[in-house]
Amino acid sequence: MNEINYKDYMDNDKKVYIPVLEVRRTDGSILPKALRWIDGTIYHIDKILGNEPAATLKGGGIGVRYRVIIEGREKELWLEEDKWFVIKK
């Protein structure tokens, strides 16, 4: 797999855009299934705990916040229009 340039994924110093494998259902719902981190590692989403429209204060912007379980840990994954991102800690 090719080396990924970290800067290509940054919108600001907190928001990191990432590729996400998703399923779009006929009812319009979107289910994230896996994500590719900036180092190329693929993480499978074990469970979706919920999603709701929200504003991200740290990263700036409005989107849909998905609370997910990845490798036993709760994480937040954001969908802004058609782009997925996470907030860098």
N, C-alpha and C. Protein backbone atom coordinates (compact mmCIF):
# COMPACT_ATOMS: atom_id res chain seq x y z
N MET A 1 0.83 -1.18 0.00
CA MET A 1 0.00 0.00 0.00
C MET A 1 0.88 1.24 0.00
N ASN A 2 0.48 2.24 -0.75
CA ASN A 2 1.27 3.46 -0.86
C ASN A 2 1.30 4.24 0.44
N GLU A 3 2.38 4.98 0.65
CA GLU A 3 2.51 5.85 1.82
C GLU A 3 1.47 6.97 1.72
N ILE A 4 0.82 7.28 2.82
CA ILE A 4 -0.20 8.31 2.85
C ILE A 4 0.39 9.57 3.45
N ASN A 5 0.18 10.70 2.80
CA ASN A 5 0.65 11.97 3.32
C ASN A 5 -0.39 12.49 4.31
N TYR A 6 0.00 12.57 5.57
CA TYR A 6 -0.87 13.00 6.65
C TYR A 6 -1.52 14.35 6.34
N LYS A 7 -0.78 15.28 5.76
CA LYS A 7 -1.30 16.62 5.46
C LYS A 7 -2.44 16.58 4.45
N ASP A 8 -2.47 15.57 3.58
CA ASP A 8 -3.55 15.46 2.60
C ASP A 8 -4.90 15.23 3.27
N TYR A 9 -4.89 14.72 4.48
CA TYR A 9 -6.12 14.37 5.18
C TYR A 9 -6.60 15.47 6.12
N MET A 10 -5.81 16.49 6.33
CA MET A 10 -6.12 17.52 7.32
C MET A 10 -6.94 18.65 6.71
N ASP A 11 -8.01 19.03 7.38
CA ASP A 11 -8.79 20.20 7.02
C ASP A 11 -8.36 21.37 7.91
N ASN A 12 -8.13 21.10 9.15
CA ASN A 12 -7.57 22.05 10.10
C ASN A 12 -6.71 21.23 11.07
N ASP A 13 -6.28 21.78 12.17
CA ASP A 13 -5.39 21.02 13.05
C ASP A 13 -6.10 19.94 13.85
N LYS A 14 -7.42 19.86 13.79
CA LYS A 14 -8.17 18.86 14.56
C LYS A 14 -8.95 17.86 13.70
N LYS A 15 -9.41 18.29 12.53
CA LYS A 15 -10.28 17.46 11.70
C LYS A 15 -9.44 16.66 10.71
N VAL A 16 -9.58 15.32 10.75
CA VAL A 16 -8.83 14.43 9.86
C VAL A 16 -9.83 13.65 9.00
N TYR A 17 -9.82 13.91 7.69
CA TYR A 17 -10.69 13.19 6.77
C TYR A 17 -10.09 11.82 6.48
N ILE A 18 -10.97 10.81 6.47
CA ILE A 18 -10.52 9.43 6.26
C ILE A 18 -11.48 8.71 5.32
N PRO A 19 -10.97 7.72 4.57
CA PRO A 19 -11.86 6.89 3.75
C PRO A 19 -12.63 5.93 4.65
N VAL A 20 -13.92 5.78 4.39
CA VAL A 20 -14.77 4.87 5.17
C VAL A 20 -15.55 3.99 4.20
N LEU A 21 -15.56 2.70 4.49
CA LEU A 21 -16.41 1.76 3.77
C LEU A 21 -17.79 1.85 4.40
N GLU A 22 -18.79 2.16 3.60
CA GLU A 22 -20.13 2.36 4.14
C GLU A 22 -21.16 1.57 3.33
N VAL A 23 -22.29 1.33 3.97
CA VAL A 23 -23.44 0.73 3.31
C VAL A 23 -24.55 1.77 3.33
N ARG A 24 -25.13 2.03 2.17
CA ARG A 24 -26.27 2.95 2.07
C ARG A 24 -27.51 2.12 1.81
N ARG A 25 -28.42 2.16 2.76
CA ARG A 25 -29.66 1.38 2.66
C ARG A 25 -30.70 2.10 1.80
N THR A 26 -31.68 1.35 1.35
CA THR A 26 -32.73 1.92 0.51
C THR A 26 -33.57 2.95 1.28
N ASP A 27 -33.59 2.88 2.60
CA ASP A 27 -34.34 3.86 3.39
C ASP A 27 -33.56 5.16 3.60
N GLY A 28 -32.33 5.23 3.04
CA GLY A 28 -31.52 6.44 3.15
C GLY A 28 -30.51 6.42 4.28
N SER A 29 -30.59 5.44 5.16
CA SER A 29 -29.63 5.39 6.27
C SER A 29 -28.25 4.96 5.77
N ILE A 30 -27.22 5.43 6.46
CA ILE A 30 -25.83 5.15 6.10
C ILE A 30 -25.17 4.44 7.26
N LEU A 31 -24.56 3.30 6.99
CA LEU A 31 -23.91 2.51 8.03
C LEU A 31 -22.41 2.39 7.73
N PRO A 32 -21.56 2.99 8.54
CA PRO A 32 -20.12 2.81 8.34
C PRO A 32 -19.71 1.40 8.77
N LYS A 33 -18.87 0.75 7.98
CA LYS A 33 -18.46 -0.63 8.26
C LYS A 33 -16.99 -0.75 8.62
N ALA A 34 -16.13 0.09 8.03
CA ALA A 34 -14.69 0.06 8.29
C ALA A 34 -14.11 1.40 7.89
N LEU A 35 -12.94 1.72 8.45
CA LEU A 35 -12.26 2.95 8.09
C LEU A 35 -10.78 2.68 7.89
N ARG A 36 -10.17 3.54 7.10
CA ARG A 36 -8.73 3.43 6.84
C ARG A 36 -8.05 4.64 7.46
N TRP A 37 -7.21 4.38 8.43
CA TRP A 37 -6.52 5.45 9.13
C TRP A 37 -5.42 6.00 8.24
N ILE A 38 -4.82 7.13 8.62
CA ILE A 38 -3.85 7.82 7.79
C ILE A 38 -2.58 7.03 7.54
N ASP A 39 -2.30 6.03 8.40
CA ASP A 39 -1.12 5.19 8.17
C ASP A 39 -1.43 3.98 7.29
N GLY A 40 -2.68 3.88 6.82
CA GLY A 40 -3.09 2.78 5.95
C GLY A 40 -3.76 1.63 6.67
N THR A 41 -3.77 1.64 7.99
CA THR A 41 -4.38 0.57 8.77
C THR A 41 -5.89 0.60 8.59
N ILE A 42 -6.48 -0.58 8.37
CA ILE A 42 -7.92 -0.73 8.24
C ILE A 42 -8.49 -1.14 9.61
N TYR A 43 -9.48 -0.41 10.06
CA TYR A 43 -10.17 -0.74 11.32
C TYR A 43 -11.62 -1.05 11.01
N HIS A 44 -12.09 -2.22 11.47
CA HIS A 44 -13.47 -2.62 11.27
C HIS A 44 -14.32 -2.07 12.41
N ILE A 45 -15.48 -1.59 12.07
CA ILE A 45 -16.40 -1.06 13.06
C ILE A 45 -17.22 -2.22 13.59
N ASP A 46 -17.05 -2.51 14.87
CA ASP A 46 -17.71 -3.65 15.49
C ASP A 46 -19.19 -3.41 15.73
N LYS A 47 -19.54 -2.17 16.10
CA LYS A 47 -20.92 -1.87 16.45
C LYS A 47 -21.17 -0.37 16.31
N ILE A 48 -22.35 -0.03 15.86
CA ILE A 48 -22.79 1.37 15.84
C ILE A 48 -23.71 1.57 17.03
N LEU A 49 -23.32 2.45 17.93
CA LEU A 49 -24.12 2.71 19.13
C LEU A 49 -25.24 3.71 18.86
N GLY A 50 -25.03 4.58 17.89
CA GLY A 50 -26.05 5.56 17.56
C GLY A 50 -25.49 6.64 16.66
N ASN A 51 -26.39 7.46 16.14
CA ASN A 51 -25.97 8.60 15.34
C ASN A 51 -27.00 9.71 15.49
N GLU A 52 -26.53 10.95 15.41
CA GLU A 52 -27.40 12.10 15.52
C GLU A 52 -26.73 13.31 14.89
N PRO A 53 -27.53 14.23 14.34
CA PRO A 53 -26.96 15.48 13.84
C PRO A 53 -26.31 16.23 15.00
N ALA A 54 -25.15 16.80 14.75
CA ALA A 54 -24.43 17.49 15.82
C ALA A 54 -23.41 18.45 15.23
N ALA A 55 -22.96 19.36 16.07
CA ALA A 55 -21.87 20.27 15.72
C ALA A 55 -20.62 19.81 16.45
N THR A 56 -19.49 19.84 15.78
CA THR A 56 -18.24 19.50 16.43
C THR A 56 -17.53 20.79 16.82
N LEU A 57 -17.42 21.00 18.11
CA LEU A 57 -16.82 22.22 18.60
C LEU A 57 -15.31 22.23 18.40
N LYS A 58 -14.67 21.08 18.55
CA LYS A 58 -13.21 21.00 18.41
C LYS A 58 -12.77 21.12 16.96
N GLY A 59 -13.50 20.48 16.05
CA GLY A 59 -13.09 20.47 14.65
C GLY A 59 -13.75 21.52 13.80
N GLY A 60 -14.84 22.08 14.29
CA GLY A 60 -15.58 23.05 13.50
C GLY A 60 -16.44 22.36 12.47
N GLY A 61 -17.66 22.80 12.33
CA GLY A 61 -18.55 22.23 11.33
C GLY A 61 -19.72 21.50 11.95
N ILE A 62 -20.63 21.12 11.07
CA ILE A 62 -21.85 20.41 11.46
C ILE A 62 -21.95 19.16 10.60
N GLY A 63 -22.41 18.07 11.21
CA GLY A 63 -22.57 16.84 10.47
C GLY A 63 -23.37 15.85 11.28
N VAL A 64 -23.19 14.58 10.96
CA VAL A 64 -23.82 13.51 11.71
C VAL A 64 -22.72 12.81 12.50
N ARG A 65 -22.91 12.76 13.81
CA ARG A 65 -21.93 12.08 14.68
C ARG A 65 -22.38 10.65 14.88
N TYR A 66 -21.48 9.71 14.54
CA TYR A 66 -21.71 8.29 14.79
C TYR A 66 -20.87 7.88 15.99
N ARG A 67 -21.51 7.30 16.97
CA ARG A 67 -20.77 6.71 18.09
C ARG A 67 -20.62 5.23 17.76
N VAL A 68 -19.38 4.78 17.67
CA VAL A 68 -19.09 3.41 17.22
C VAL A 68 -18.13 2.71 18.17
N ILE A 69 -18.11 1.40 18.08
CA ILE A 69 -17.14 0.58 18.81
C ILE A 69 -16.14 0.05 17.79
N ILE A 70 -14.85 0.34 18.03
CA ILE A 70 -13.76 -0.17 17.22
C ILE A 70 -12.75 -0.80 18.16
N GLU A 71 -12.50 -2.09 17.97
CA GLU A 71 -11.56 -2.83 18.81
C GLU A 71 -11.87 -2.65 20.30
N GLY A 72 -13.15 -2.71 20.63
CA GLY A 72 -13.58 -2.64 22.02
C GLY A 72 -13.62 -1.26 22.63
N ARG A 73 -13.33 -0.22 21.86
CA ARG A 73 -13.30 1.14 22.39
C ARG A 73 -14.32 2.02 21.67
N GLU A 74 -15.00 2.87 22.44
CA GLU A 74 -15.97 3.78 21.86
C GLU A 74 -15.26 4.96 21.20
N LYS A 75 -15.65 5.25 19.98
CA LYS A 75 -15.06 6.34 19.20
C LYS A 75 -16.17 7.14 18.56
N GLU A 76 -15.84 8.36 18.11
CA GLU A 76 -16.76 9.18 17.34
C GLU A 76 -16.25 9.29 15.91
N LEU A 77 -17.16 9.08 14.98
CA LEU A 77 -16.89 9.17 13.56
C LEU A 77 -17.93 10.14 13.01
N TRP A 78 -17.49 11.09 12.20
CA TRP A 78 -18.37 12.15 11.71
C TRP A 78 -18.56 12.05 10.21
N LEU A 79 -19.78 12.33 9.77
CA LEU A 79 -20.11 12.41 8.34
C LEU A 79 -20.56 13.84 8.06
N GLU A 80 -19.81 14.52 7.19
CA GLU A 80 -20.09 15.90 6.82
C GLU A 80 -20.34 15.91 5.32
N GLU A 81 -21.60 16.10 4.93
CA GLU A 81 -22.03 15.95 3.55
C GLU A 81 -21.65 14.54 3.10
N ASP A 82 -20.68 14.36 2.20
CA ASP A 82 -20.27 13.01 1.79
C ASP A 82 -18.85 12.67 2.23
N LYS A 83 -18.31 13.40 3.20
CA LYS A 83 -16.94 13.16 3.66
C LYS A 83 -16.95 12.73 5.13
N TRP A 84 -16.17 11.70 5.42
CA TRP A 84 -16.03 11.19 6.77
C TRP A 84 -14.79 11.80 7.43
N PHE A 85 -14.88 12.07 8.72
CA PHE A 85 -13.71 12.55 9.45
C PHE A 85 -13.77 12.15 10.91
N VAL A 86 -12.63 12.23 11.57
CA VAL A 86 -12.51 12.05 13.01
C VAL A 86 -11.84 13.31 13.55
N ILE A 87 -11.98 13.50 14.85
CA ILE A 87 -11.33 14.62 15.52
C ILE A 87 -10.05 14.11 16.16
N LYS A 88 -8.94 14.71 15.78
CA LYS A 88 -7.63 14.33 16.32
C LYS A 88 -7.52 14.83 17.74
N LYS A 89 -7.00 13.98 18.60
CA LYS A 89 -6.84 14.37 20.01
C LYS A 89 -5.53 15.06 20.22
